[in-house]
Amino acid sequence: MPFNNDPIPVTILSGSLGAGKTTTLNHILSSEQELNAAILVNDMGEVNVDADLVERESDLTQNDDEIIEMSNGCICCRLRGDMLDEVGRLAEERDFEYLLVESSGISEPIPVAQTFARGFEDAEFDPTGVYELDTMVSVVDAHSFWQGFDSGQVLTDDEMEPQGNRVPEEALMDQIEFCDVLLLNKCDLVPDDELEEMEAVLKTLQPRAKIIRTEHGAVDPEEILNTGRFDFEEASQSAGWKRELQHGHHHESAADEHGVTSFVFDADRPFHPERIARLFADLPDGIVRAKGFFWSAGREDIAMGLDKAGQSVRAGPKGTWIATLPKAQQERYFAARPGIKEDWDDQWGDRGSELVFIGREFDQETLIERLEDCVLSDAEMTEDWNEYPDPFTADEQRELALADD
């Protein structure tokens, strides 16, 4: 091929196990005859079944170095350096025009995107300027998603054991919240009216992405190749819960019509640790996403975090209060974000709680009342909080609730 110094565009496909990533990839390869692509397929197992399927169902062969298998780990963590070594080797040969990456079912998309957009310090090859991330695609199994969502159980049928502290539901939520294009696959297995409700939920969770219904992974290649949609900063801030925190709720007819609601709970007093832990472990099934930070009485040294995805609820140490930092460092925060100073409390600084809840057909008023009951009363504000038991003592966020517990 002619010498070309232009960056090589990259499309990354994420999605839970069985969602249809490999089927979608094979559809693209079979329908886009002019596409001269290299393929990287990541599989958690020791045997890369997906890579074998791609090779068997397309004209690609390993002998031509057009397909790369990355097995026994995820390219979002353990195999990031190995992935860059491989795509660096491909870039030296430069006999392809596009790179397609299929990540494993529990891969987190943000680290993968960071690897291509910003490089990775433990790798010799720097992809910036050589590769250009073009489109982040997430494939969602409409049938499994709706079964889990409608029953109040898990959001995915994945039965794989957690990778480290991650569970499949959290990985799925990451994939939904960080993408440019969301392919709602297996739509032939779900009635149209339920698809409309599902899209309302997904649009609330991820307002920025283009949602496309597909069957058997059949999507127009132009929807996910050379789209120019990727923008790292915009994608990083595009989750529905982040928009809710920053801008408040903007009613959208589709979401309202299907009962999808969201709200932010703020408090400038701490939660009673035992009461809030019990509430987090007993959130309504209709809550599909909850995230934010909170103040647990007796732990004034550190900000606690809440992260609910499906039935998985994790809460525990998450960050640092600005009030605990040296004065010089505090002033740098005030200069960068003047709003912090406006809400600063003379005694407690920035300590407080700010939690987002997104769900469908749950009793918002009752949940708000329950949250308010967890906030310390006037009498409790004068007590010795150090005598309160601390349910958030683990170094890592603690799992408070799982499906089928």
Protein backbone atom coordinates (compact mmCIF):
# COMPACT_ATOMS: atom_id res chain seq x y z
CA MET A 1 0.00 0.00 0.00
CA PRO A 2 1.18 3.60 -0.46
CA PHE A 3 3.17 5.21 2.34
CA ASN A 4 0.80 6.97 4.72
CA ASN A 5 1.65 9.04 7.79
CA ASP A 6 -1.94 9.71 8.84
CA PRO A 7 -2.93 8.24 12.22
CA ILE A 8 -4.57 4.82 12.03
CA PRO A 9 -8.22 5.08 13.18
CA VAL A 10 -9.37 2.70 15.93
CA THR A 11 -12.83 1.39 16.84
CA ILE A 12 -13.18 -0.43 20.17
CA LEU A 13 -16.10 -2.79 20.85
CA SER A 14 -17.07 -3.41 24.47
CA GLY A 15 -19.97 -5.37 25.87
CA SER A 16 -20.93 -8.09 28.32
CA LEU A 17 -20.41 -11.78 27.64
CA GLY A 18 -22.84 -12.98 24.99
CA ALA A 19 -24.00 -9.50 24.00
CA GLY A 20 -22.90 -10.02 20.39
CA LYS A 21 -19.54 -8.27 20.03
CA THR A 22 -17.98 -11.02 17.94
CA THR A 23 -21.12 -11.37 15.81
CA THR A 24 -21.05 -7.61 15.19
CA LEU A 25 -17.36 -7.72 14.34
CA ASN A 26 -17.86 -10.54 11.86
CA HIS A 27 -20.79 -8.70 10.28
CA ILE A 28 -18.60 -5.63 9.75
CA LEU A 29 -15.79 -7.71 8.25
CA SER A 30 -18.12 -9.54 5.88
CA SER A 31 -20.14 -6.51 4.78
CA GLU A 32 -17.35 -3.95 4.39
CA GLN A 33 -15.39 -5.37 1.48
CA GLU A 34 -13.14 -2.33 1.11
CA LEU A 35 -12.02 -2.41 4.75
CA ASN A 36 -8.34 -3.25 5.15
CA ALA A 37 -8.26 -3.88 8.89
CA ALA A 38 -6.19 -5.46 11.62
CA ILE A 39 -8.19 -7.13 14.39
CA LEU A 40 -7.32 -7.46 18.07
CA VAL A 41 -9.54 -9.80 20.10
CA ASN A 42 -9.28 -9.95 23.90
CA ASP A 43 -10.64 -12.91 25.88
CA MET A 44 -10.44 -13.47 29.63
CA GLY A 45 -9.95 -17.22 29.22
CA GLU A 46 -6.81 -19.15 28.37
CA VAL A 47 -8.34 -20.12 25.02
CA ASN A 48 -9.44 -17.19 22.85
CA VAL A 49 -12.70 -18.56 21.48
CA ASP A 50 -13.77 -15.20 20.01
CA ALA A 51 -10.56 -14.86 18.01
CA ASP A 52 -11.11 -18.35 16.62
CA LEU A 53 -14.66 -17.42 15.58
CA VAL A 54 -13.46 -14.25 13.85
CA GLU A 55 -10.79 -16.17 11.99
CA ARG A 56 -13.11 -18.98 10.91
CA GLU A 57 -15.93 -16.68 9.79
CA SER A 58 -13.81 -14.17 7.87
CA ASP A 59 -10.94 -14.10 5.42
CA LEU A 60 -8.48 -13.12 8.14
CA THR A 61 -5.70 -15.52 9.05
CA GLN A 62 -3.13 -15.46 11.79
CA ASN A 63 -0.46 -16.23 9.22
CA ASP A 64 -1.05 -12.79 7.73
CA ASP A 65 -0.70 -11.15 11.17
CA GLU A 66 -4.07 -9.52 10.60
CA ILE A 67 -5.64 -10.90 13.76
CA ILE A 68 -4.10 -10.67 17.24
CA GLU A 69 -5.22 -12.82 20.15
CA MET A 70 -4.92 -11.40 23.67
CA SER A 71 -5.90 -14.12 26.15
CA ASN A 72 -5.87 -14.90 29.86
CA GLY A 73 -6.42 -11.33 31.03
CA CYS A 74 -8.01 -7.99 30.16
CA ILE A 75 -6.57 -5.22 27.99
CA CYS A 76 -7.99 -2.70 30.48
CA CYS A 77 -5.52 -3.79 33.17
CA ARG A 78 -3.21 -6.79 33.07
CA LEU A 79 -2.63 -6.83 29.31
CA ARG A 80 -2.43 -3.08 28.57
CA GLY A 81 1.32 -3.14 27.98
CA ASP A 82 1.12 -6.35 25.94
CA MET A 83 -1.58 -4.80 23.76
CA LEU A 84 0.57 -1.76 23.02
CA ASP A 85 3.51 -3.99 22.16
CA GLU A 86 1.35 -5.80 19.59
CA VAL A 87 -0.23 -2.72 18.01
CA GLY A 88 3.20 -1.09 17.97
CA ARG A 89 4.57 -4.02 15.99
CA LEU A 90 1.64 -3.75 13.58
CA ALA A 91 2.23 -0.01 13.15
CA GLU A 92 5.83 -0.64 12.09
CA GLU A 93 4.61 -2.87 9.25
CA ARG A 94 1.72 -0.53 8.39
CA ASP A 95 -0.03 -2.84 5.96
CA PHE A 96 -3.54 -2.07 7.17
CA GLU A 97 -5.74 1.04 7.31
CA TYR A 98 -7.99 0.46 10.30
CA LEU A 99 -7.73 -1.23 13.72
CA LEU A 100 -10.73 -2.99 15.24
CA VAL A 101 -10.48 -4.02 18.89
CA GLU A 102 -12.89 -6.41 20.64
CA SER A 103 -12.38 -6.22 24.41
CA SER A 104 -13.32 -8.92 26.90
CA GLY A 105 -16.78 -9.09 28.46
CA ILE A 106 -15.66 -7.56 31.75
CA SER A 107 -13.22 -4.98 30.38
CA GLU A 108 -13.62 -1.40 31.54
CA PRO A 109 -13.64 0.86 28.46
CA ILE A 110 -12.04 3.96 30.01
CA PRO A 111 -8.57 2.41 30.63
CA VAL A 112 -8.60 0.94 27.11
CA ALA A 113 -9.46 4.34 25.64
CA GLN A 114 -6.78 5.99 27.77
CA THR A 115 -4.21 3.52 26.48
CA PHE A 116 -4.82 4.57 22.88
CA ALA A 117 -5.46 8.26 23.57
CA ARG A 118 -2.65 8.89 26.06
CA GLY A 119 -0.36 5.86 26.07
CA PHE A 120 0.70 3.69 29.01
CA GLU A 121 3.77 4.33 31.12
CA ASP A 122 4.74 0.65 31.41
CA ALA A 123 4.94 0.17 27.63
CA GLU A 124 7.71 1.15 25.24
CA PHE A 125 5.37 2.00 22.36
CA ASP A 126 3.55 5.35 22.44
CA PRO A 127 0.37 5.13 20.33
CA THR A 128 -0.35 8.87 20.26
CA GLY A 129 0.10 10.27 16.77
CA VAL A 130 0.27 6.75 15.33
CA TYR A 131 -3.23 5.62 16.27
CA GLU A 132 -6.31 7.79 16.66
CA LEU A 133 -9.28 6.55 18.66
CA ASP A 134 -12.28 7.07 16.40
CA THR A 135 -15.29 5.37 18.00
CA MET A 136 -16.10 3.63 21.30
CA VAL A 137 -18.89 1.11 20.76
CA SER A 138 -20.79 -0.75 23.48
CA VAL A 139 -22.94 -3.75 22.63
CA VAL A 140 -25.85 -4.46 25.01
CA ASP A 141 -27.85 -7.70 24.97
CA ALA A 142 -31.40 -6.32 24.87
CA HIS A 143 -32.96 -9.60 25.95
CA SER A 144 -30.74 -10.18 28.98
CA PHE A 145 -30.73 -6.52 29.96
CA TRP A 146 -34.50 -6.29 29.91
CA GLN A 147 -35.05 -9.58 31.74
CA GLY A 148 -32.78 -8.42 34.54
CA PHE A 149 -34.06 -4.85 34.61
CA ASP A 150 -37.73 -5.78 34.53
CA SER A 151 -37.40 -8.37 37.30
CA GLY A 152 -35.26 -6.19 39.54
CA GLN A 153 -32.43 -8.70 39.42
CA VAL A 154 -29.02 -8.33 37.81
CA LEU A 155 -28.60 -6.28 34.65
CA THR A 156 -26.74 -9.04 32.87
CA ASP A 157 -26.81 -12.83 32.70
CA ASP A 158 -23.04 -13.02 33.06
CA GLU A 159 -22.05 -15.64 35.63
CA MET A 160 -18.31 -15.01 35.54
CA GLU A 161 -16.60 -14.52 38.86
CA PRO A 162 -15.53 -10.93 39.59
CA GLN A 163 -12.15 -9.83 38.26
CA GLY A 164 -10.53 -8.36 41.35
CA ASN A 165 -13.14 -6.07 42.92
CA ARG A 166 -15.14 -5.74 39.73
CA VAL A 167 -18.40 -7.55 39.11
CA PRO A 168 -20.06 -7.93 35.70
CA GLU A 169 -22.85 -5.44 36.52
CA GLU A 170 -20.31 -2.70 37.24
CA ALA A 171 -18.41 -3.48 34.05
CA LEU A 172 -21.67 -3.33 32.07
CA MET A 173 -22.53 0.04 33.58
CA ASP A 174 -19.07 1.36 32.68
CA GLN A 175 -19.60 0.16 29.10
CA ILE A 176 -22.99 1.89 28.90
CA GLU A 177 -21.75 5.15 30.39
CA PHE A 178 -18.59 5.46 28.31
CA CYS A 179 -19.34 5.05 24.63
CA ASP A 180 -20.07 6.99 21.46
CA VAL A 181 -22.39 4.39 19.93
CA LEU A 182 -24.56 1.94 21.87
CA LEU A 183 -25.75 -1.09 19.90
CA LEU A 184 -28.89 -2.58 21.43
CA ASN A 185 -28.54 -6.10 20.05
CA LYS A 186 -30.92 -9.08 19.93
CA CYS A 187 -33.86 -6.73 19.54
CA ASP A 188 -35.80 -9.49 17.78
CA LEU A 189 -36.20 -11.14 21.20
CA VAL A 190 -37.86 -8.12 22.86
CA PRO A 191 -41.28 -6.54 22.07
CA ASP A 192 -41.20 -3.04 20.56
CA ASP A 193 -42.91 -1.37 23.52
CA GLU A 194 -40.36 -2.82 25.90
CA LEU A 195 -37.53 -1.73 23.61
CA GLU A 196 -38.83 1.82 23.83
CA GLU A 197 -38.77 1.67 27.63
CA MET A 198 -35.29 0.17 27.57
CA GLU A 199 -34.01 2.93 25.31
CA ALA A 200 -35.44 5.51 27.71
CA VAL A 201 -33.43 3.94 30.54
CA LEU A 202 -30.25 3.74 28.47
CA LYS A 203 -30.64 7.32 27.27
CA THR A 204 -30.94 8.46 30.88
CA LEU A 205 -27.83 6.52 31.86
CA GLN A 206 -25.91 7.71 28.78
CA PRO A 207 -27.38 10.87 27.21
CA ARG A 208 -24.59 11.37 24.66
CA ALA A 209 -24.40 8.06 22.82
CA LYS A 210 -26.22 7.23 19.60
CA ILE A 211 -28.43 4.21 20.30
CA ILE A 212 -28.94 1.79 17.41
CA ARG A 213 -31.18 -1.29 17.49
CA THR A 214 -29.64 -4.38 15.91
CA GLU A 215 -30.45 -8.03 15.33
CA HIS A 216 -27.70 -10.64 15.05
CA GLY A 217 -25.08 -7.87 15.22
CA ALA A 218 -26.12 -6.46 11.84
CA VAL A 219 -25.13 -2.78 11.84
CA ASP A 220 -24.23 -0.43 9.01
CA PRO A 221 -20.41 -0.19 9.11
CA GLU A 222 -20.66 3.59 8.66
CA GLU A 223 -22.25 3.80 12.11
CA ILE A 224 -19.12 2.57 13.90
CA LEU A 225 -16.21 3.13 11.47
CA ASN A 226 -14.65 6.52 10.68
CA THR A 227 -17.36 8.35 12.60
CA GLY A 228 -15.01 10.85 14.27
CA ARG A 229 -17.28 10.71 17.33
CA PHE A 230 -14.67 10.06 20.02
CA ASP A 231 -13.74 12.90 22.36
CA PHE A 232 -12.09 11.68 25.56
CA GLU A 233 -13.05 14.59 27.81
CA GLU A 234 -16.63 14.70 26.57
CA ALA A 235 -17.01 10.94 26.86
CA SER A 236 -15.57 10.98 30.39
CA GLN A 237 -18.21 13.49 31.51
CA SER A 238 -21.17 12.03 29.62
CA ALA A 239 -22.68 9.62 32.17
CA GLY A 240 -26.20 10.46 33.25
CA TRP A 241 -25.26 10.67 36.92
CA LYS A 242 -22.52 13.21 36.17
CA ARG A 243 -24.92 15.37 34.15
CA GLU A 244 -27.40 15.17 37.02
CA LEU A 245 -24.80 16.37 39.53
CA GLN A 246 -23.60 19.19 37.31
CA HIS A 247 -26.78 20.46 35.70
CA GLY A 248 -29.78 19.02 37.51
CA HIS A 249 -32.55 17.02 35.92
CA HIS A 250 -33.91 18.03 32.53
CA HIS A 251 -37.17 16.25 31.81
CA GLU A 252 -37.25 14.36 28.57
CA SER A 253 -40.58 13.15 27.24
CA ALA A 254 -39.36 9.64 26.44
CA ALA A 255 -37.92 9.12 29.91
CA ASP A 256 -40.96 10.65 31.61
CA GLU A 257 -43.33 8.56 29.53
CA HIS A 258 -41.64 5.35 30.63
CA GLY A 259 -41.27 6.24 34.30
CA VAL A 260 -37.51 6.84 34.28
CA THR A 261 -36.68 9.38 36.96
CA SER A 262 -33.59 10.71 38.70
CA PHE A 263 -32.76 13.05 41.56
CA VAL A 264 -29.85 14.37 43.59
CA PHE A 265 -29.79 14.15 47.39
CA ASP A 266 -27.68 16.79 49.16
CA ALA A 267 -26.90 17.11 52.85
CA ASP A 268 -24.47 19.32 54.74
CA ARG A 269 -24.66 17.14 57.86
CA PRO A 270 -23.16 13.65 58.13
CA PHE A 271 -25.09 10.40 57.85
CA HIS A 272 -25.34 8.08 60.84
CA PRO A 273 -23.05 5.26 59.64
CA GLU A 274 -25.23 2.34 60.67
CA ARG A 275 -28.47 3.82 59.36
CA ILE A 276 -27.05 4.77 55.97
CA ALA A 277 -25.33 1.38 55.60
CA ARG A 278 -28.69 -0.35 56.17
CA LEU A 279 -30.36 1.92 53.62
CA PHE A 280 -27.68 1.30 50.98
CA ALA A 281 -28.11 -2.45 51.48
CA ASP A 282 -31.88 -2.10 50.98
CA LEU A 283 -32.29 0.33 48.09
CA PRO A 284 -35.38 -0.14 45.90
CA ASP A 285 -35.01 -2.66 43.07
CA GLY A 286 -36.11 0.07 40.65
CA ILE A 287 -32.85 1.98 41.25
CA VAL A 288 -30.53 0.92 38.43
CA ARG A 289 -27.80 3.48 39.11
CA ALA A 290 -26.65 5.41 42.16
CA LYS A 291 -23.38 7.20 42.59
CA GLY A 292 -21.74 10.00 44.54
CA PHE A 293 -19.95 10.79 47.78
CA PHE A 294 -21.12 11.07 51.37
CA TRP A 295 -20.02 12.03 54.86
CA SER A 296 -20.16 9.26 57.46
CA ALA A 297 -20.13 10.57 61.06
CA GLY A 298 -16.91 9.61 62.79
CA ARG A 299 -14.91 9.50 59.55
CA GLU A 300 -14.21 13.19 59.07
CA ASP A 301 -10.80 12.27 57.64
CA ILE A 302 -12.07 10.81 54.38
CA ALA A 303 -14.94 11.07 51.88
CA MET A 304 -17.01 7.93 51.39
CA GLY A 305 -18.25 6.84 47.97
CA LEU A 306 -21.41 5.07 46.81
CA ASP A 307 -21.56 3.07 43.59
CA LYS A 308 -24.66 1.04 42.70
CA ALA A 309 -24.95 -0.78 39.38
CA GLY A 310 -27.90 -3.15 39.12
CA GLN A 311 -28.06 -5.12 42.36
CA SER A 312 -24.42 -4.54 43.24
CA VAL A 313 -23.98 -1.82 45.86
CA ARG A 314 -20.53 -0.78 47.03
CA ALA A 315 -19.78 1.87 49.62
CA GLY A 316 -16.62 2.87 51.42
CA PRO A 317 -13.55 5.14 51.46
CA LYS A 318 -13.33 6.98 48.17
CA GLY A 319 -11.43 10.26 48.38
CA THR A 320 -10.17 13.20 50.39
CA TRP A 321 -12.05 16.19 51.71
CA ILE A 322 -10.46 19.44 50.60
CA ALA A 323 -10.79 20.59 54.21
CA THR A 324 -8.17 18.00 55.25
CA LEU A 325 -5.54 19.33 52.82
CA PRO A 326 -2.81 21.87 53.63
CA LYS A 327 -3.90 25.50 53.22
CA ALA A 328 -1.77 26.09 50.13
CA GLN A 329 -3.35 23.11 48.40
CA GLN A 330 -6.82 24.27 49.42
CA GLU A 331 -6.20 27.66 47.84
CA ARG A 332 -5.31 25.99 44.54
CA TYR A 333 -8.66 24.20 44.59
CA PHE A 334 -10.48 27.46 45.38
CA ALA A 335 -8.76 29.19 42.47
CA ALA A 336 -9.62 26.38 40.04
CA ARG A 337 -13.21 25.89 41.28
CA PRO A 338 -14.58 29.05 42.91
CA GLY A 339 -17.88 27.35 43.68
CA ILE A 340 -16.22 25.34 46.44
CA LYS A 341 -15.46 28.46 48.43
CA GLU A 342 -19.05 29.66 48.11
CA ASP A 343 -20.37 26.52 49.84
CA TRP A 344 -17.53 26.30 52.37
CA ASP A 345 -18.54 25.77 56.00
CA ASP A 346 -16.40 27.50 58.63
CA GLN A 347 -16.29 24.38 60.81
CA TRP A 348 -16.60 21.48 58.39
CA GLY A 349 -15.28 22.87 55.12
CA ASP A 350 -16.54 20.90 52.10
CA ARG A 351 -17.74 17.86 54.05
CA GLY A 352 -21.23 16.80 53.03
CA SER A 353 -23.13 14.38 50.83
CA GLU A 354 -24.15 14.51 47.18
CA LEU A 355 -25.75 11.36 45.78
CA VAL A 356 -27.48 10.71 42.43
CA PHE A 357 -30.21 8.09 42.02
CA ILE A 358 -31.52 6.97 38.61
CA GLY A 359 -34.27 4.40 38.23
CA ARG A 360 -37.64 3.36 36.99
CA GLU A 361 -40.94 3.13 38.87
CA PHE A 362 -39.58 3.66 42.38
CA ASP A 363 -41.06 5.81 45.15
CA GLN A 364 -38.82 8.86 45.07
CA GLU A 365 -40.50 10.66 47.98
CA THR A 366 -40.17 7.65 50.27
CA LEU A 367 -36.52 7.20 49.37
CA ILE A 368 -35.82 10.88 50.09
CA GLU A 369 -37.53 10.53 53.47
CA ARG A 370 -35.42 7.47 54.26
CA LEU A 371 -32.24 9.34 53.31
CA GLU A 372 -33.24 12.29 55.47
CA ASP A 373 -33.79 9.91 58.40
CA CYS A 374 -30.18 8.78 58.02
CA VAL A 375 -28.86 12.33 58.51
CA LEU A 376 -27.82 13.15 62.08
CA SER A 377 -30.44 14.88 64.19
CA ASP A 378 -29.76 18.03 66.24
CA ALA A 379 -29.15 15.87 69.32
CA GLU A 380 -26.83 13.52 67.46
CA MET A 381 -24.79 16.46 66.17
CA THR A 382 -23.64 17.04 69.78
CA GLU A 383 -22.71 13.39 70.48
CA ASP A 384 -19.25 11.82 70.31
CA TRP A 385 -19.30 10.38 66.77
CA ASN A 386 -16.17 8.34 67.46
CA GLU A 387 -18.34 6.02 69.55
CA TYR A 388 -20.43 5.10 66.49
CA PRO A 389 -19.63 1.70 64.93
CA ASP A 390 -18.02 2.12 61.49
CA PRO A 391 -19.40 -0.19 58.77
CA PHE A 392 -17.02 1.34 56.20
CA THR A 393 -13.67 0.21 57.62
CA ALA A 394 -12.27 -1.79 54.70
CA ASP A 395 -9.43 -0.27 52.67
CA GLU A 396 -11.43 -0.98 49.51
CA GLN A 397 -15.10 -0.20 49.00
CA ARG A 398 -17.21 -2.81 50.73
CA GLU A 399 -19.86 -4.86 48.96
CA LEU A 400 -23.11 -4.13 50.78
CA ALA A 401 -25.64 -5.94 48.63
CA LEU A 402 -25.62 -8.48 45.84
CA ALA A 403 -28.39 -10.14 43.89
CA ASP A 404 -29.75 -13.31 45.50
CA ASP A 405 -28.29 -12.47 48.93
